[in-house]
Protein backbone atom coordinates (compact mmCIF):
# COMPACT_ATOMS: atom_id res chain seq x y z
CA MET A 1 24.43 109.90 -10.30
CA LYS A 2 24.39 113.57 -9.41
CA VAL A 3 26.91 114.94 -6.95
CA GLN A 4 24.05 116.03 -4.69
CA ASP A 5 22.76 112.45 -4.56
CA PHE A 6 26.21 111.17 -3.70
CA ALA A 7 26.67 113.79 -0.96
CA TYR A 8 23.27 112.87 0.48
CA GLN A 9 24.16 109.17 0.53
CA VAL A 10 27.48 109.89 2.25
CA ALA A 11 25.71 111.97 4.91
CA VAL A 12 23.08 109.29 5.50
CA ARG A 13 25.72 106.56 5.74
CA THR A 14 27.79 108.64 8.17
CA LEU A 15 24.77 109.02 10.44
CA GLU A 16 24.09 105.26 10.19
CA LEU A 17 27.69 104.49 11.14
CA LEU A 18 27.46 106.78 14.16
CA GLU A 19 24.36 104.92 15.28
CA GLU A 20 25.90 101.49 14.67
CA THR A 21 29.32 102.10 16.14
CA GLN A 22 28.56 104.59 18.90
CA HIS A 23 25.11 103.26 19.82
CA TYR A 24 23.82 106.79 19.45
CA LYS A 25 20.22 107.34 18.34
CA ILE A 26 20.05 110.31 16.00
CA PRO A 27 16.61 111.95 16.12
CA ASP A 28 14.79 112.25 12.79
CA LYS A 29 14.78 116.06 12.93
CA LEU A 30 18.55 116.17 13.43
CA ARG A 31 19.04 113.62 10.65
CA LYS A 32 16.98 115.82 8.29
CA ASP A 33 18.78 119.00 9.38
CA VAL A 34 22.21 117.45 8.78
CA THR A 35 21.36 116.03 5.37
CA ASP A 36 19.71 119.30 4.29
CA ARG A 37 22.77 121.26 5.36
CA ILE A 38 25.11 118.93 3.48
CA LEU A 39 23.04 119.42 0.34
CA GLN A 40 23.21 123.19 0.80
CA GLU A 41 27.00 123.04 1.16
CA VAL A 42 27.77 120.68 -1.74
CA ASP A 43 29.27 123.38 -3.96
CA HIS A 44 31.44 124.71 -1.13
CA LEU A 45 32.59 121.20 -0.19
CA LEU A 46 33.54 120.47 -3.80
CA LYS A 47 35.60 123.65 -4.02
CA LYS A 48 37.24 122.90 -0.71
CA SER A 49 38.14 119.35 -1.74
CA SER A 50 39.74 120.44 -5.01
CA LYS A 51 42.33 122.69 -3.33
């Protein structure tokens, strides 16, 4: 599994948990924007987590 795939799955699951636990409906456009942004920031997030 590529790191990008893992990051995407974590983002999707986080959004699902927000919907399930907070009863918040996340619009599809926002869901896409968040997952796209996570994918764009994967390299930065990896560097940040290795400090």
